């Protein structure tokens, strides 16, 4: 299959993916509620795993060869693929990104969020980290809104990049948009064609048609977009030591419109500012 192709999902298959998406959301919500100073990222991993298993599913991250955890937990200058550890204890004011996925009945969900650990005393640092998370989350919803109206998939990346550059000018900062790591199609496998870029590309990408399901996931730093992989072979960190944020949702396009599969409201709140109403499949 070329990168211009993808396997379209039927309405029945999208409904199965919705189940996986809601389980993924439940795991992330449980982790979000547990984030506080003094908790380890390995404890957060157990919370996510317990939640997924209690709902009759299993972690799709554990299906990746060599990876044994349920979440990726990336702290401060770590961007993605951070490994949960007992000795990685959160401090007030840290920024942490949690990426998680669930598989049930052979269908997958994938989602991520970032947040600042409550209680930080350095107001300037906390504000900068919160702003970074907000910009990244905002770019995610801009990308999802673009998908709802797009003719070709790479219009999503153009919208995300333009939003981030605009916010950088507004805040007097230069944000780095990762190019080495991007979003992806999703379905029976967590990673499928087509690629979903978070930046403008020369090519239009595949035509957006009913049955397209993708994971849109902007990854943004407060500095350079250059990265390095740490000695553990997994954790991707910013080369210049700048903080990072990561937000992600699994999104389906169908005959009736667009539907965010990893959000209980289907994306209603996030899309409202764009005048877009998500449409569930019934």
Protein backbone atom coordinates (compact mmCIF):
# COMPACT_ATOMS: atom_id res chain seq x y z
CA UNK A 1 0.00 0.00 0.00
CA UNK A 2 1.38 3.43 -0.93
CA UNK A 3 1.30 6.36 1.46
CA UNK A 4 -1.49 7.84 -0.62
CA UNK A 5 -3.73 4.86 0.13
CA UNK A 6 -5.59 3.81 3.23
CA UNK A 7 -8.07 1.16 4.22
CA UNK A 8 -11.49 2.78 4.57
CA UNK A 9 -13.52 1.67 7.56
CA UNK A 10 -17.21 0.82 7.43
CA UNK A 11 -19.68 2.40 9.83
CA UNK A 12 -19.80 -0.85 11.79
CA UNK A 13 -16.02 -0.86 12.11
CA UNK A 14 -15.96 2.77 13.21
CA UNK A 15 -18.45 1.89 15.95
CA UNK A 16 -16.05 -0.82 17.14
CA UNK A 17 -13.24 1.73 17.12
CA UNK A 18 -15.43 4.07 19.15
CA UNK A 19 -15.47 1.44 21.91
CA UNK A 20 -11.67 1.26 21.85
CA UNK A 21 -11.53 5.06 21.84
CA UNK A 22 -13.72 5.45 24.91
CA UNK A 23 -11.67 2.88 26.82
CA UNK A 24 -8.53 4.82 25.88
CA UNK A 25 -10.19 8.01 27.12
CA UNK A 26 -11.16 6.35 30.41
CA UNK A 27 -7.58 5.26 31.00
CA UNK A 28 -6.27 8.74 30.30
CA UNK A 29 -8.87 10.31 32.58
CA UNK A 30 -7.84 7.97 35.41
CA UNK A 31 -4.20 8.90 34.90
CA UNK A 32 -4.98 12.62 34.71
CA UNK A 33 -6.81 12.45 38.05
CA UNK A 34 -3.79 10.78 39.67
CA UNK A 35 -1.13 13.23 38.51
CA UNK A 36 0.32 15.12 41.46
CA UNK A 37 3.72 15.82 43.02
CA UNK A 38 5.32 12.66 44.39
CA UNK A 39 3.64 10.14 42.08
CA UNK A 40 5.88 8.06 39.83
CA UNK A 41 5.25 7.54 36.15
CA UNK A 42 5.28 3.78 36.79
CA UNK A 43 2.35 4.22 39.19
CA UNK A 44 0.51 6.10 36.45
CA UNK A 45 1.22 3.24 34.07
CA UNK A 46 -0.42 0.76 36.44
CA UNK A 47 -3.50 2.96 36.77
CA UNK A 48 -3.91 3.04 32.99
CA UNK A 49 -3.36 -0.69 32.63
CA UNK A 50 -5.82 -1.53 35.41
CA UNK A 51 -8.46 0.71 33.84
CA UNK A 52 -8.10 -0.83 30.39
CA UNK A 53 -8.17 -4.40 31.70
CA UNK A 54 -11.24 -3.77 33.87
CA UNK A 55 -13.05 -2.60 30.75
CA UNK A 56 -12.29 -5.85 28.95
CA UNK A 57 -9.57 -4.52 26.65
CA UNK A 58 -5.79 -4.60 26.57
CA UNK A 59 -3.00 -2.13 25.94
CA UNK A 60 -2.02 -1.84 22.30
CA UNK A 61 1.28 -0.22 23.31
CA UNK A 62 2.26 -3.60 24.76
CA UNK A 63 1.84 -5.10 21.30
CA UNK A 64 4.76 -3.00 20.04
CA UNK A 65 7.84 -5.23 19.98
CA UNK A 66 10.10 -4.57 22.95
CA UNK A 67 7.65 -2.29 24.80
CA UNK A 68 6.10 -3.62 28.01
CA UNK A 69 4.16 -0.62 29.33
CA UNK A 70 0.64 0.72 28.83
CA UNK A 71 1.48 4.41 28.55
CA UNK A 72 4.30 6.59 27.37
CA UNK A 73 5.05 9.26 29.96
CA UNK A 74 7.24 12.12 28.79
CA UNK A 75 8.34 14.77 31.28
CA UNK A 76 9.60 18.32 30.61
CA UNK A 77 12.12 18.12 27.71
CA UNK A 78 10.96 14.59 26.84
CA UNK A 79 8.55 14.81 23.91
CA UNK A 80 7.22 11.31 23.21
CA UNK A 81 7.83 7.63 24.01
CA UNK A 82 9.01 8.24 27.55
CA UNK A 83 9.22 4.97 29.51
CA UNK A 84 7.37 4.81 32.86
CA UNK A 85 9.78 4.29 35.75
CA UNK A 86 9.55 3.90 39.50
CA UNK A 87 12.33 6.46 39.97
CA UNK A 88 10.71 9.03 37.67
CA UNK A 89 8.81 10.93 40.35
CA UNK A 90 6.82 14.00 39.35
CA UNK A 91 7.53 17.37 40.91
CA UNK A 92 5.23 20.36 41.17
CA UNK A 93 5.45 22.44 38.01
CA UNK A 94 6.65 19.63 35.73
CA UNK A 95 4.95 19.30 32.37
CA UNK A 96 4.03 15.73 31.51
CA UNK A 97 2.58 14.17 28.36
CA UNK A 98 0.70 10.88 28.60
CA UNK A 99 0.11 8.80 25.47
CA UNK A 100 -2.09 5.70 25.67
CA UNK A 101 -3.99 3.27 23.52
CA UNK A 102 -6.40 0.37 23.92
CA UNK A 103 -7.40 -2.52 21.69
CA UNK A 104 -10.67 -4.42 21.93
CA UNK A 105 -12.22 -6.81 19.40
CA UNK A 106 -9.16 -6.23 17.19
CA UNK A 107 -9.79 -2.47 16.85
CA UNK A 108 -7.66 0.34 18.26
CA UNK A 109 -7.84 3.71 19.95
CA UNK A 110 -4.96 6.15 20.52
CA UNK A 111 -4.92 9.45 22.38
CA UNK A 112 -2.64 11.74 24.39
CA UNK A 113 -2.75 14.80 26.61
CA UNK A 114 -0.30 17.10 28.38
CA UNK A 115 -0.64 18.91 31.68
CA UNK A 116 1.39 20.84 34.22
CA UNK A 117 1.74 19.08 37.57
CA UNK A 118 -0.16 21.17 40.16
CA UNK A 119 1.61 23.24 42.78
CA UNK A 120 4.58 24.76 40.99
CA UNK A 121 6.10 27.79 42.73
CA UNK A 122 7.92 29.25 39.73
CA UNK A 123 5.03 31.23 38.26
CA UNK A 124 6.87 32.18 35.06
CA UNK A 125 7.92 28.61 34.31
CA UNK A 126 4.48 27.21 35.08
CA UNK A 127 2.83 29.84 32.86
CA UNK A 128 5.21 29.08 29.97
CA UNK A 129 4.58 25.35 30.26
CA UNK A 130 0.82 25.82 30.45
CA UNK A 131 0.95 28.10 27.42
CA UNK A 132 2.92 25.46 25.50
CA UNK A 133 0.34 22.80 26.36
CA UNK A 134 -2.52 25.13 25.42
CA UNK A 135 -0.97 25.97 22.05
CA UNK A 136 -0.41 22.30 21.29
CA UNK A 137 -3.95 21.36 22.29
CA UNK A 138 -5.29 24.27 20.29
CA UNK A 139 -3.38 23.13 17.23
CA UNK A 140 -4.89 19.66 17.60
CA UNK A 141 -8.42 21.05 17.42
CA UNK A 142 -7.47 23.30 14.52
CA UNK A 143 -6.24 20.19 12.74
CA UNK A 144 -9.40 18.23 13.52
CA UNK A 145 -11.54 21.14 12.32
CA UNK A 146 -9.50 21.30 9.12
CA UNK A 147 -10.08 17.58 8.55
CA UNK A 148 -13.83 18.16 8.74
CA UNK A 149 -13.66 20.42 5.67
CA UNK A 150 -10.56 19.12 3.89
CA UNK A 151 -10.43 17.74 0.38
CA UNK A 152 -6.97 16.29 0.96
CA UNK A 153 -5.42 15.09 4.20
CA UNK A 154 -2.35 17.32 4.21
CA UNK A 155 -4.57 20.36 4.67
CA UNK A 156 -4.55 19.25 8.32
CA UNK A 157 -0.81 19.81 8.67
CA UNK A 158 -1.03 23.21 6.98
CA UNK A 159 -3.69 24.34 9.46
CA UNK A 160 -1.71 23.04 12.44
CA UNK A 161 1.51 24.75 11.36
CA UNK A 162 -0.18 28.07 10.61
CA UNK A 163 -1.88 28.08 14.02
CA UNK A 164 1.35 27.32 15.90
CA UNK A 165 3.32 29.95 13.98
CA UNK A 166 0.59 32.50 14.65
CA UNK A 167 0.62 31.72 18.37
CA UNK A 168 4.40 31.95 18.40
CA UNK A 169 4.23 35.47 17.01
CA UNK A 170 1.49 36.37 19.48
CA UNK A 171 3.51 35.07 22.44
CA UNK A 172 6.89 36.30 21.21
CA UNK A 173 8.20 32.72 21.12
CA UNK A 174 9.46 30.28 18.54
CA UNK A 175 7.74 26.94 18.88
CA UNK A 176 9.27 23.84 17.31
CA UNK A 177 6.97 21.50 15.38
CA UNK A 178 8.36 17.98 15.25
CA UNK A 179 8.88 16.63 11.75
CA UNK A 180 10.52 13.32 12.69
CA UNK A 181 7.37 12.10 14.47
CA UNK A 182 3.88 12.50 13.03
CA UNK A 183 0.31 11.21 13.20
CA UNK A 184 -1.00 8.15 11.40
CA UNK A 185 -3.91 6.10 10.19
CA UNK A 186 -5.40 3.69 12.70
CA UNK A 187 -7.73 0.69 12.63
CA UNK A 188 -6.98 -2.99 13.14
CA UNK A 189 -3.43 -1.84 13.81
CA UNK A 190 -2.44 1.14 15.93
CA UNK A 191 -0.22 2.50 13.14
CA UNK A 192 -1.52 2.36 9.57
CA UNK A 193 -1.36 4.43 6.42
CA UNK A 194 -1.75 7.28 5.73
CA UNK A 195 0.76 9.56 7.49
CA UNK A 196 -0.71 12.67 9.11
CA UNK A 197 1.73 15.55 9.03
CA UNK A 198 1.68 18.40 11.54
CA UNK A 199 3.22 20.85 9.09
CA UNK A 200 2.78 22.05 5.52
CA UNK A 201 3.99 19.67 2.81
CA UNK A 202 4.46 19.93 -0.94
CA UNK A 203 2.03 17.11 -1.61
CA UNK A 204 -1.71 17.24 -1.01
CA UNK A 205 -1.89 13.77 0.49
CA UNK A 206 -4.74 11.31 -0.02
CA UNK A 207 -8.29 12.44 -0.67
CA UNK A 208 -10.40 12.74 2.46
CA UNK A 209 -13.36 10.37 2.07
CA UNK A 210 -15.80 8.55 4.35
CA UNK A 211 -14.05 5.71 6.12
CA UNK A 212 -10.83 7.59 6.82
CA UNK A 213 -9.78 7.19 10.46
CA UNK A 214 -6.61 8.90 11.67
CA UNK A 215 -4.75 9.79 14.83
CA UNK A 216 -3.88 13.48 14.71
CA UNK A 217 -1.10 14.27 17.18
CA UNK A 218 0.88 17.52 17.13
CA UNK A 219 4.12 17.42 19.13
CA UNK A 220 5.53 20.87 19.92
CA UNK A 221 8.55 22.18 21.80
CA UNK A 222 9.23 25.55 23.34
CA UNK A 223 12.37 25.81 21.23
CA UNK A 224 14.00 23.82 18.45
CA UNK A 225 12.33 21.00 16.54
CA UNK A 226 15.55 18.97 16.64
CA UNK A 227 15.37 15.81 18.73
CA UNK A 228 17.51 13.05 20.19
CA UNK A 229 16.67 9.53 21.35
CA UNK A 230 17.90 8.80 24.87
CA UNK A 231 20.00 5.82 25.89
CA UNK A 232 16.92 3.75 26.74
CA UNK A 233 16.27 3.54 23.00
CA UNK A 234 12.72 4.88 23.30
CA UNK A 235 12.47 8.32 24.89
CA UNK A 236 12.56 11.18 22.39
CA UNK A 237 13.82 14.43 23.90
CA UNK A 238 14.37 17.94 22.56
CA UNK A 239 17.99 18.47 21.57
CA UNK A 240 18.12 21.96 23.08
CA UNK A 241 16.49 20.91 26.37
CA UNK A 242 13.33 22.90 25.74
CA UNK A 243 10.02 21.72 27.19
CA UNK A 244 7.53 19.83 25.05
CA UNK A 245 3.83 19.03 24.80
CA UNK A 246 1.85 16.36 22.93
CA UNK A 247 -1.90 16.11 22.30
CA UNK A 248 -3.71 13.47 20.24
CA UNK A 249 -7.16 12.19 19.27
CA UNK A 250 -8.43 9.40 17.05
CA UNK A 251 -10.83 10.91 14.50
CA UNK A 252 -13.19 9.29 11.99
CA UNK A 253 -14.64 10.74 8.79
CA UNK A 254 -17.93 9.16 7.70
CA UNK A 255 -20.88 9.93 5.45
CA UNK A 256 -22.54 12.05 8.12
CA UNK A 257 -19.52 14.13 9.07
CA UNK A 258 -16.68 13.87 11.55
CA UNK A 259 -16.49 12.09 14.92
CA UNK A 260 -13.74 12.19 17.55
CA UNK A 261 -13.66 8.60 18.75
CA UNK A 262 -11.50 9.23 21.84
CA UNK A 263 -13.74 11.92 23.36
CA UNK A 264 -17.01 11.20 25.17
CA UNK A 265 -18.70 14.16 23.50
CA UNK A 266 -17.35 13.17 20.09
CA UNK A 267 -15.38 16.41 19.95
CA UNK A 268 -18.34 18.75 20.49
CA UNK A 269 -16.61 21.13 22.92
CA UNK A 270 -13.33 21.27 21.00
CA UNK A 271 -15.00 21.86 17.65
CA UNK A 272 -17.61 24.36 18.83
CA UNK A 273 -15.37 27.41 18.30
CA UNK A 274 -15.11 26.43 14.61
CA UNK A 275 -18.86 26.06 14.14
CA UNK A 276 -18.47 22.33 13.52
CA UNK A 277 -20.81 19.82 15.13
CA UNK A 278 -19.49 16.25 15.28
CA UNK A 279 -21.88 13.58 14.03
CA UNK A 280 -22.01 10.16 15.71
CA UNK A 281 -22.85 7.05 13.76
CA UNK A 282 -26.14 5.54 14.91
